[in-house]
PDB file of all heavy atoms in Angstrom:
ATOM      1  N   TYR A   1       0.832  -1.202   0.000  1.00  0.00           N
ATOM      2  CA  TYR A   1       0.000   0.000   0.000  1.00  0.00           C
ATOM      3  C   TYR A   1       0.868   1.255   0.000  1.00  0.00           C
ATOM      4  O   TYR A   1       0.661   2.172  -0.799  1.00  0.00           O
ATOM      5  CB  TYR A   1      -0.938  -0.010   1.212  1.00  0.00           C
ATOM      6  CG  TYR A   1      -1.688   1.284   1.391  1.00  0.00           C
ATOM      7  CD1 TYR A   1      -2.835   1.549   0.635  1.00  0.00           C
ATOM      8  CD2 TYR A   1      -1.252   2.261   2.284  1.00  0.00           C
ATOM      9  CE1 TYR A   1      -3.518   2.742   0.776  1.00  0.00           C
ATOM     10  CE2 TYR A   1      -1.927   3.459   2.427  1.00  0.00           C
ATOM     11  CZ  TYR A   1      -3.054   3.697   1.676  1.00  0.00           C
ATOM     12  OH  TYR A   1      -3.725   4.883   1.814  1.00  0.00           O
ATOM     13  N   ASN A   2       1.864   1.309   0.891  1.00  0.00           N
ATOM     14  CA  ASN A   2       2.740   2.488   0.986  1.00  0.00           C
ATOM     15  C   ASN A   2       3.538   2.702  -0.290  1.00  0.00           C
ATOM     16  O   ASN A   2       3.683   3.829  -0.761  1.00  0.00           O
ATOM     17  CB  ASN A   2       3.681   2.363   2.182  1.00  0.00           C
ATOM     18  CG  ASN A   2       2.943   2.475   3.505  1.00  0.00           C
ATOM     19  OD1 ASN A   2       1.865   3.055   3.585  1.00  0.00           O
ATOM     20  ND2 ASN A   2       3.514   1.893   4.544  1.00  0.00           N
ATOM     21  N   MET A   3       4.064   1.609  -0.860  1.00  0.00           N
ATOM     22  CA  MET A   3       4.863   1.733  -2.075  1.00  0.00           C
ATOM     23  C   MET A   3       4.005   2.224  -3.240  1.00  0.00           C
ATOM     24  O   MET A   3       4.400   3.128  -3.972  1.00  0.00           O
ATOM     25  CB  MET A   3       5.498   0.397  -2.444  1.00  0.00           C
ATOM     26  CG  MET A   3       6.357   0.492  -3.689  1.00  0.00           C
ATOM     27  SD  MET A   3       6.693  -1.079  -4.475  1.00  0.00           S
ATOM     28  CE  MET A   3       5.092  -1.763  -4.687  1.00  0.00           C
ATOM     29  N   LEU A   4       2.832   1.638  -3.437  1.00  0.00           N
ATOM     30  CA  LEU A   4       1.955   2.054  -4.536  1.00  0.00           C
ATOM     31  C   LEU A   4       1.541   3.517  -4.384  1.00  0.00           C
ATOM     32  O   LEU A   4       1.451   4.251  -5.375  1.00  0.00           O
ATOM     33  CB  LEU A   4       0.726   1.151  -4.627  1.00  0.00           C
ATOM     34  CG  LEU A   4       0.994  -0.280  -5.092  1.00  0.00           C
ATOM     35  CD1 LEU A   4      -0.265  -1.121  -4.984  1.00  0.00           C
ATOM     36  CD2 LEU A   4       1.544  -0.302  -6.510  1.00  0.00           C
ATOM     37  N   LYS A   5       1.332   3.942  -3.161  1.00  0.00           N
ATOM     38  CA  LYS A   5       0.984   5.341  -2.904  1.00  0.00           C
ATOM     39  C   LYS A   5       2.155   6.259  -3.283  1.00  0.00           C
ATOM     40  O   LYS A   5       1.962   7.284  -3.935  1.00  0.00           O
ATOM     41  CB  LYS A   5       0.613   5.502  -1.429  1.00  0.00           C
ATOM     42  CG  LYS A   5       0.054   6.848  -1.065  1.00  0.00           C
ATOM     43  CD  LYS A   5      -0.392   6.842   0.378  1.00  0.00           C
ATOM     44  CE  LYS A   5      -0.762   8.230   0.830  1.00  0.00           C
ATOM     45  NZ  LYS A   5      -1.083   8.269   2.257  1.00  0.00           N
ATOM     46  N   LYS A   6       3.370   5.895  -2.903  1.00  0.00           N
ATOM     47  CA  LYS A   6       4.551   6.715  -3.202  1.00  0.00           C
ATOM     48  C   LYS A   6       4.807   6.810  -4.701  1.00  0.00           C
ATOM     49  O   LYS A   6       5.212   7.859  -5.196  1.00  0.00           O
ATOM     50  CB  LYS A   6       5.794   6.146  -2.520  1.00  0.00           C
ATOM     51  CG  LYS A   6       5.860   6.417  -1.050  1.00  0.00           C
ATOM     52  CD  LYS A   6       7.125   5.824  -0.459  1.00  0.00           C
ATOM     53  CE  LYS A   6       7.163   5.991   1.037  1.00  0.00           C
ATOM     54  NZ  LYS A   6       8.372   5.368   1.609  1.00  0.00           N
ATOM     55  N   VAL A   7       4.619   5.715  -5.434  1.00  0.00           N
ATOM     56  CA  VAL A   7       4.913   5.714  -6.867  1.00  0.00           C
ATOM     57  C   VAL A   7       3.689   6.093  -7.700  1.00  0.00           C
ATOM     58  O   VAL A   7       3.727   6.044  -8.928  1.00  0.00           O
ATOM     59  CB  VAL A   7       5.522   4.373  -7.347  1.00  0.00           C
ATOM     60  CG1 VAL A   7       6.826   4.095  -6.632  1.00  0.00           C
ATOM     61  CG2 VAL A   7       4.548   3.234  -7.199  1.00  0.00           C
ATOM     62  N   ASN A   8       2.612   6.448  -7.006  1.00  0.00           N
ATOM     63  CA  ASN A   8       1.402   6.943  -7.653  1.00  0.00           C
ATOM     64  C   ASN A   8       0.820   5.953  -8.673  1.00  0.00           C
ATOM     65  O   ASN A   8       0.487   6.327  -9.792  1.00  0.00           O
ATOM     66  CB  ASN A   8       1.667   8.308  -8.306  1.00  0.00           C
ATOM     67  CG  ASN A   8       0.390   9.056  -8.591  1.00  0.00           C
ATOM     68  OD1 ASN A   8      -0.622   8.839  -7.925  1.00  0.00           O
ATOM     69  ND2 ASN A   8       0.416   9.926  -9.580  1.00  0.00           N
ATOM     70  N   GLN A   9       0.730   4.690  -8.250  1.00  0.00           N
ATOM     71  CA  GLN A   9       0.127   3.655  -9.085  1.00  0.00           C
ATOM     72  C   GLN A   9      -1.044   3.053  -8.321  1.00  0.00           C
ATOM     73  O   GLN A   9      -0.940   2.792  -7.125  1.00  0.00           O
ATOM     74  CB  GLN A   9       1.149   2.562  -9.435  1.00  0.00           C
ATOM     75  CG  GLN A   9       2.311   3.045 -10.261  1.00  0.00           C
ATOM     76  CD  GLN A   9       1.876   3.577 -11.613  1.00  0.00           C
ATOM     77  OE1 GLN A   9       1.019   3.017 -12.272  1.00  0.00           O
ATOM     78  NE2 GLN A   9       2.467   4.696 -12.014  1.00  0.00           N
ATOM     79  N   PRO A  10      -2.171   2.810  -9.006  1.00  0.00           N
ATOM     80  CA  PRO A  10      -3.349   2.307  -8.307  1.00  0.00           C
ATOM     81  C   PRO A  10      -3.283   0.824  -7.945  1.00  0.00           C
ATOM     82  O   PRO A  10      -3.978   0.375  -7.042  1.00  0.00           O
ATOM     83  CB  PRO A  10      -4.488   2.567  -9.296  1.00  0.00           C
ATOM     84  CG  PRO A  10      -3.825   2.601 -10.628  1.00  0.00           C
ATOM     85  CD  PRO A  10      -2.446   3.140 -10.396  1.00  0.00           C
ATOM     86  N   SER A  11      -2.437   0.047  -8.644  1.00  0.00           N
ATOM     87  CA  SER A  11      -2.402  -1.390  -8.381  1.00  0.00           C
ATOM     88  C   SER A  11      -1.078  -1.994  -8.833  1.00  0.00           C
ATOM     89  O   SER A  11      -0.309  -1.369  -9.571  1.00  0.00           O
ATOM     90  CB  SER A  11      -3.547  -2.092  -9.122  1.00  0.00           C
ATOM     91  OG  SER A  11      -3.314  -2.034 -10.523  1.00  0.00           O
ATOM     92  N   VAL A  12      -0.851  -3.219  -8.416  1.00  0.00           N
ATOM     93  CA  VAL A  12       0.339  -3.953  -8.836  1.00  0.00           C
ATOM     94  C   VAL A  12       0.298  -4.196 -10.345  1.00  0.00           C
ATOM     95  O   VAL A  12       1.317  -4.140 -11.021  1.00  0.00           O
ATOM     96  CB  VAL A  12       0.457  -5.280  -8.050  1.00  0.00           C
ATOM     97  CG1 VAL A  12       1.529  -6.181  -8.642  1.00  0.00           C
ATOM     98  CG2 VAL A  12       0.746  -4.995  -6.581  1.00  0.00           C
ATOM     99  N   ALA A  13      -0.889  -4.439 -10.881  1.00  0.00           N
ATOM    100  CA  ALA A  13      -1.021  -4.674 -12.327  1.00  0.00           C
ATOM    101  C   ALA A  13      -0.566  -3.453 -13.131  1.00  0.00           C
ATOM    102  O   ALA A  13       0.169  -3.588 -14.112  1.00  0.00           O
ATOM    103  CB  ALA A  13      -2.465  -5.025 -12.675  1.00  0.00           C
ATOM    104  N   THR A  14      -0.966  -2.270 -12.723  1.00  0.00           N
ATOM    105  CA  THR A  14      -0.533  -1.073 -13.453  1.00  0.00           C
ATOM    106  C   THR A  14       0.956  -0.815 -13.245  1.00  0.00           C
ATOM    107  O   THR A  14       1.630  -0.354 -14.153  1.00  0.00           O
ATOM    108  CB  THR A  14      -1.343   0.185 -13.063  1.00  0.00           C
ATOM    109  OG1 THR A  14      -1.229   0.405 -11.667  1.00  0.00           O
ATOM    110  CG2 THR A  14      -2.784   0.064 -13.475  1.00  0.00           C
ATOM    111  N   LEU A  15       1.468  -1.143 -12.057  1.00  0.00           N
ATOM    112  CA  LEU A  15       2.900  -1.018 -11.813  1.00  0.00           C
ATOM    113  C   LEU A  15       3.676  -1.936 -12.756  1.00  0.00           C
ATOM    114  O   LEU A  15       4.687  -1.542 -13.333  1.00  0.00           O
ATOM    115  CB  LEU A  15       3.227  -1.340 -10.356  1.00  0.00           C
ATOM    116  CG  LEU A  15       4.693  -1.239  -9.952  1.00  0.00           C
ATOM    117  CD1 LEU A  15       5.222   0.174 -10.144  1.00  0.00           C
ATOM    118  CD2 LEU A  15       4.861  -1.679  -8.513  1.00  0.00           C
ATOM    119  N   ASN A  16       3.188  -3.164 -12.941  1.00  0.00           N
ATOM    120  CA  ASN A  16       3.823  -4.087 -13.887  1.00  0.00           C
ATOM    121  C   ASN A  16       3.749  -3.565 -15.315  1.00  0.00           C
ATOM    122  O   ASN A  16       4.689  -3.714 -16.092  1.00  0.00           O
ATOM    123  CB  ASN A  16       3.194  -5.478 -13.800  1.00  0.00           C
ATOM    124  CG  ASN A  16       3.820  -6.311 -12.713  1.00  0.00           C
ATOM    125  OD1 ASN A  16       5.029  -6.288 -12.523  1.00  0.00           O
ATOM    126  ND2 ASN A  16       3.007  -7.049 -11.990  1.00  0.00           N
ATOM    127  N   GLN A  17       2.635  -2.947 -15.673  1.00  0.00           N
ATOM    128  CA  GLN A  17       2.489  -2.382 -17.011  1.00  0.00           C
ATOM    129  C   GLN A  17       3.503  -1.244 -17.213  1.00  0.00           C
ATOM    130  O   GLN A  17       4.157  -1.165 -18.255  1.00  0.00           O
ATOM    131  CB  GLN A  17       1.071  -1.864 -17.215  1.00  0.00           C
ATOM    132  CG  GLN A  17       0.825  -1.304 -18.597  1.00  0.00           C
ATOM    133  CD  GLN A  17      -0.582  -0.735 -18.753  1.00  0.00           C
ATOM    134  OE1 GLN A  17      -1.230  -0.368 -17.772  1.00  0.00           O
ATOM    135  NE2 GLN A  17      -1.048  -0.668 -19.977  1.00  0.00           N
ATOM    136  N   VAL A  18       3.655  -0.384 -16.227  1.00  0.00           N
ATOM    137  CA  VAL A  18       4.623   0.703 -16.310  1.00  0.00           C
ATOM    138  C   VAL A  18       6.038   0.124 -16.417  1.00  0.00           C
ATOM    139  O   VAL A  18       6.852   0.605 -17.199  1.00  0.00           O
ATOM    140  CB  VAL A  18       4.496   1.657 -15.098  1.00  0.00           C
ATOM    141  CG1 VAL A  18       5.663   2.625 -15.018  1.00  0.00           C
ATOM    142  CG2 VAL A  18       3.183   2.413 -15.170  1.00  0.00           C
ATOM    143  N   TYR A  19       6.315  -0.928 -15.648  1.00  0.00           N
ATOM    144  CA  TYR A  19       7.639  -1.557 -15.730  1.00  0.00           C
ATOM    145  C   TYR A  19       7.882  -2.134 -17.122  1.00  0.00           C
ATOM    146  O   TYR A  19       8.981  -2.007 -17.668  1.00  0.00           O
ATOM    147  CB  TYR A  19       7.791  -2.658 -14.670  1.00  0.00           C
ATOM    148  CG  TYR A  19       9.157  -3.284 -14.697  1.00  0.00           C
ATOM    149  CD1 TYR A  19      10.264  -2.576 -14.251  1.00  0.00           C
ATOM    150  CD2 TYR A  19       9.353  -4.561 -15.202  1.00  0.00           C
ATOM    151  CE1 TYR A  19      11.538  -3.127 -14.292  1.00  0.00           C
ATOM    152  CE2 TYR A  19      10.614  -5.124 -15.250  1.00  0.00           C
ATOM    153  CZ  TYR A  19      11.697  -4.406 -14.791  1.00  0.00           C
ATOM    154  OH  TYR A  19      12.956  -4.958 -14.851  1.00  0.00           O
ATOM    155  N   TYR A  20       6.872  -2.745 -17.711  1.00  0.00           N
ATOM    156  CA  TYR A  20       6.999  -3.283 -19.067  1.00  0.00           C
ATOM    157  C   TYR A  20       7.349  -2.164 -20.053  1.00  0.00           C
ATOM    158  O   TYR A  20       8.256  -2.295 -20.872  1.00  0.00           O
ATOM    159  CB  TYR A  20       5.702  -3.982 -19.478  1.00  0.00           C
ATOM    160  CG  TYR A  20       5.667  -4.337 -20.940  1.00  0.00           C
ATOM    161  CD1 TYR A  20       6.379  -5.422 -21.431  1.00  0.00           C
ATOM    162  CD2 TYR A  20       4.933  -3.572 -21.835  1.00  0.00           C
ATOM    163  CE1 TYR A  20       6.364  -5.732 -22.782  1.00  0.00           C
ATOM    164  CE2 TYR A  20       4.911  -3.872 -23.186  1.00  0.00           C
ATOM    165  CZ  TYR A  20       5.629  -4.960 -23.652  1.00  0.00           C
ATOM    166  OH  TYR A  20       5.613  -5.253 -24.988  1.00  0.00           O
ATOM    167  N   TYR A  21       6.643  -1.049 -19.971  1.00  0.00           N
ATOM    168  CA  TYR A  21       6.939   0.096 -20.837  1.00  0.00           C
ATOM    169  C   TYR A  21       8.350   0.620 -20.593  1.00  0.00           C
ATOM    170  O   TYR A  21       9.070   0.967 -21.523  1.00  0.00           O
ATOM    171  CB  TYR A  21       5.936   1.226 -20.634  1.00  0.00           C
ATOM    172  CG  TYR A  21       4.586   0.977 -21.236  1.00  0.00           C
ATOM    173  CD1 TYR A  21       3.436   1.092 -20.468  1.00  0.00           C
ATOM    174  CD2 TYR A  21       4.436   0.642 -22.567  1.00  0.00           C
ATOM    175  CE1 TYR A  21       2.186   0.880 -21.019  1.00  0.00           C
ATOM    176  CE2 TYR A  21       3.187   0.426 -23.121  1.00  0.00           C
ATOM    177  CZ  TYR A  21       2.072   0.548 -22.345  1.00  0.00           C
ATOM    178  OH  TYR A  21       0.844   0.327 -22.898  1.00  0.00           O
ATOM    179  N   TRP A  22       8.732   0.694 -19.311  1.00  0.00           N
ATOM    180  CA  TRP A  22      10.060   1.177 -18.950  1.00  0.00           C
ATOM    181  C   TRP A  22      11.147   0.282 -19.553  1.00  0.00           C
ATOM    182  O   TRP A  22      12.107   0.766 -20.134  1.00  0.00           O
ATOM    183  CB  TRP A  22      10.187   1.226 -17.438  1.00  0.00           C
ATOM    184  CG  TRP A  22      11.555   1.607 -16.961  1.00  0.00           C
ATOM    185  CD1 TRP A  22      12.462   0.810 -16.343  1.00  0.00           C
ATOM    186  CD2 TRP A  22      12.174   2.887 -17.075  1.00  0.00           C
ATOM    187  NE1 TRP A  22      13.598   1.509 -16.066  1.00  0.00           N
ATOM    188  CE2 TRP A  22      13.455   2.781 -16.510  1.00  0.00           C
ATOM    189  CE3 TRP A  22      11.779   4.109 -17.604  1.00  0.00           C
ATOM    190  CZ2 TRP A  22      14.338   3.854 -16.452  1.00  0.00           C
ATOM    191  CZ3 TRP A  22      12.657   5.174 -17.547  1.00  0.00           C
ATOM    192  CH2 TRP A  22      13.911   5.045 -16.975  1.00  0.00           C
ATOM    193  N   GLU A  23      10.997  -1.032 -19.405  1.00  0.00           N
ATOM    194  CA  GLU A  23      11.979  -1.966 -19.968  1.00  0.00           C
ATOM    195  C   GLU A  23      12.044  -1.843 -21.493  1.00  0.00           C
ATOM    196  O   GLU A  23      13.121  -1.871 -22.067  1.00  0.00           O
ATOM    197  CB  GLU A  23      11.626  -3.412 -19.575  1.00  0.00           C
ATOM    198  CG  GLU A  23      11.980  -3.745 -18.157  1.00  0.00           C
ATOM    199  CD  GLU A  23      13.484  -3.760 -17.931  1.00  0.00           C
ATOM    200  OE1 GLU A  23      14.185  -4.530 -18.598  1.00  0.00           O
ATOM    201  OE2 GLU A  23      13.947  -2.989 -17.072  1.00  0.00           O
ATOM    202  N   SER A  24      10.893  -1.699 -22.129  1.00  0.00           N
ATOM    203  CA  SER A  24      10.875  -1.534 -23.585  1.00  0.00           C
ATOM    204  C   SER A  24      11.618  -0.275 -24.003  1.00  0.00           C
ATOM    205  O   SER A  24      12.380  -0.275 -24.961  1.00  0.00           O
ATOM    206  CB  SER A  24       9.434  -1.453 -24.100  1.00  0.00           C
ATOM    207  OG  SER A  24       8.759  -2.640 -23.840  1.00  0.00           O
ATOM    208  N   LEU A  25      11.396   0.785 -23.267  1.00  0.00           N
ATOM    209  CA  LEU A  25      12.044   2.067 -23.555  1.00  0.00           C
ATOM    210  C   LEU A  25      13.559   1.977 -23.377  1.00  0.00           C
ATOM    211  O   LEU A  25      14.326   2.405 -24.229  1.00  0.00           O
ATOM    212  CB  LEU A  25      11.465   3.144 -22.635  1.00  0.00           C
ATOM    213  CG  LEU A  25      11.996   4.561 -22.788  1.00  0.00           C
ATOM    214  CD1 LEU A  25      11.562   5.137 -24.120  1.00  0.00           C
ATOM    215  CD2 LEU A  25      11.478   5.419 -21.649  1.00  0.00           C
ATOM    216  N   CYS A  26      13.991   1.381 -22.283  1.00  0.00           N
ATOM    217  CA  CYS A  26      15.417   1.301 -21.974  1.00  0.00           C
ATOM    218  C   CYS A  26      16.163   0.307 -22.862  1.00  0.00           C
ATOM    219  O   CYS A  26      17.357   0.460 -23.076  1.00  0.00           O
ATOM    220  CB  CYS A  26      15.626   0.913 -20.519  1.00  0.00           C
ATOM    221  SG  CYS A  26      15.154   2.211 -19.381  1.00  0.00           S
ATOM    222  N   ASN A  27      15.482  -0.705 -23.357  1.00  0.00           N
ATOM    223  CA  ASN A  27      16.148  -1.750 -24.137  1.00  0.00           C
ATOM    224  C   ASN A  27      16.112  -1.524 -25.640  1.00  0.00           C
ATOM    225  O   ASN A  27      16.420  -2.428 -26.397  1.00  0.00           O
ATOM    226  CB  ASN A  27      15.541  -3.117 -23.811  1.00  0.00           C
ATOM    227  CG  ASN A  27      15.891  -3.559 -22.406  1.00  0.00           C
ATOM    228  OD1 ASN A  27      16.954  -3.234 -21.899  1.00  0.00           O
ATOM    229  ND2 ASN A  27      14.988  -4.271 -21.774  1.00  0.00           N
ATOM    230  N   GLN A  28      15.741  -0.343 -26.076  1.00  0.00           N
ATOM    231  CA  GLN A  28      15.696  -0.057 -27.507  1.00  0.00           C
ATOM    232  C   GLN A  28      16.527   1.177 -27.846  1.00  0.00           C
ATOM    233  O   GLN A  28      16.016   2.163 -28.342  1.00  0.00           O
ATOM    234  CB  GLN A  28      14.252   0.134 -27.954  1.00  0.00           C
ATOM    235  CG  GLN A  28      13.434  -1.119 -27.771  1.00  0.00           C
ATOM    236  CD  GLN A  28      12.067  -0.982 -28.382  1.00  0.00           C
ATOM    237  OE1 GLN A  28      11.836  -0.153 -29.240  1.00  0.00           O
ATOM    238  NE2 GLN A  28      11.157  -1.816 -27.938  1.00  0.00           N
ATOM    239  N   PRO A  29      17.839   1.118 -27.590  1.00  0.00           N
ATOM    240  CA  PRO A  29      18.672   2.299 -27.830  1.00  0.00           C
ATOM    241  C   PRO A  29      18.775   2.685 -29.297  1.00  0.00           C
ATOM    242  O   PRO A  29      19.092   3.816 -29.610  1.00  0.00           O
ATOM    243  CB  PRO A  29      20.039   1.895 -27.273  1.00  0.00           C
ATOM    244  CG  PRO A  29      20.033   0.411 -27.288  1.00  0.00           C
ATOM    245  CD  PRO A  29      18.602  -0.003 -27.080  1.00  0.00           C
ATOM    246  N   THR A  30      18.499   1.758 -30.212  1.00  0.00           N
ATOM    247  CA  THR A  30      18.586   2.115 -31.624  1.00  0.00           C
ATOM    248  C   THR A  30      17.386   2.949 -32.064  1.00  0.00           C
ATOM    249  O   THR A  30      17.491   3.765 -32.970  1.00  0.00           O
ATOM    250  CB  THR A  30      18.658   0.856 -32.505  1.00  0.00           C
ATOM    251  OG1 THR A  30      17.528   0.022 -32.233  1.00  0.00           O
ATOM    252  CG2 THR A  30      19.945   0.091 -32.243  1.00  0.00           C
ATOM    253  N   ARG A  31      16.244   2.758 -31.393  1.00  0.00           N
ATOM    254  CA  ARG A  31      15.047   3.512 -31.758  1.00  0.00           C
ATOM    255  C   ARG A  31      14.953   4.836 -31.020  1.00  0.00           C
ATOM    256  O   ARG A  31      14.490   5.818 -31.524  1.00  0.00           O
ATOM    257  CB  ARG A  31      13.795   2.686 -31.473  1.00  0.00           C
ATOM    258  CG  ARG A  31      13.691   1.520 -32.436  1.00  0.00           C
ATOM    259  CD  ARG A  31      12.495   0.703 -32.153  1.00  0.00           C
ATOM    260  NE  ARG A  31      11.299   1.496 -32.377  1.00  0.00           N
ATOM    261  CZ  ARG A  31      10.107   1.102 -31.995  1.00  0.00           C
ATOM    262  NH1 ARG A  31       9.952  -0.034 -31.380  1.00  0.00           N
ATOM    263  NH2 ARG A  31       9.056   1.831 -32.223  1.00  0.00           N
ATOM    264  N   TYR A  32      15.377   4.822 -29.748  1.00  0.00           N
ATOM    265  CA  TYR A  32      15.293   6.010 -28.918  1.00  0.00           C
ATOM    266  C   TYR A  32      16.677   6.315 -28.367  1.00  0.00           C
ATOM    267  O   TYR A  32      17.306   5.455 -27.773  1.00  0.00           O
ATOM    268  CB  TYR A  32      14.301   5.804 -27.765  1.00  0.00           C
ATOM    269  CG  TYR A  32      12.991   5.224 -28.209  1.00  0.00           C
ATOM    270  CD1 TYR A  32      12.477   4.073 -27.626  1.00  0.00           C
ATOM    271  CD2 TYR A  32      12.259   5.816 -29.225  1.00  0.00           C
ATOM    272  CE1 TYR A  32      11.268   3.542 -28.037  1.00  0.00           C
ATOM    273  CE2 TYR A  32      11.051   5.281 -29.644  1.00  0.00           C
ATOM    274  CZ  TYR A  32      10.562   4.151 -29.051  1.00  0.00           C
ATOM    275  OH  TYR A  32       9.379   3.630 -29.455  1.00  0.00           O
ATOM    276  N   PRO A  33      17.159   7.514 -28.499  1.00  0.00           N
ATOM    277  CA  PRO A  33      18.536   7.838 -28.123  1.00  0.00           C
ATOM    278  C   PRO A  33      18.722   8.012 -26.625  1.00  0.00           C
ATOM    279  O   PRO A  33      19.050   9.074 -26.137  1.00  0.00           O
ATOM    280  CB  PRO A  33      18.779   9.149 -28.848  1.00  0.00           C
ATOM    281  CG  PRO A  33      17.436   9.792 -28.904  1.00  0.00           C
ATOM    282  CD  PRO A  33      16.454   8.653 -29.061  1.00  0.00           C
TER     283      PRO A  33
END
């Protein structure tokens, strides 16, 4: 509860979705500088 409140995410599922987007963003250096 405290962690989700601090990171402003409503649920673990949305936190996982944000992490998925984050990993995609960080692992594509050829597409995004």
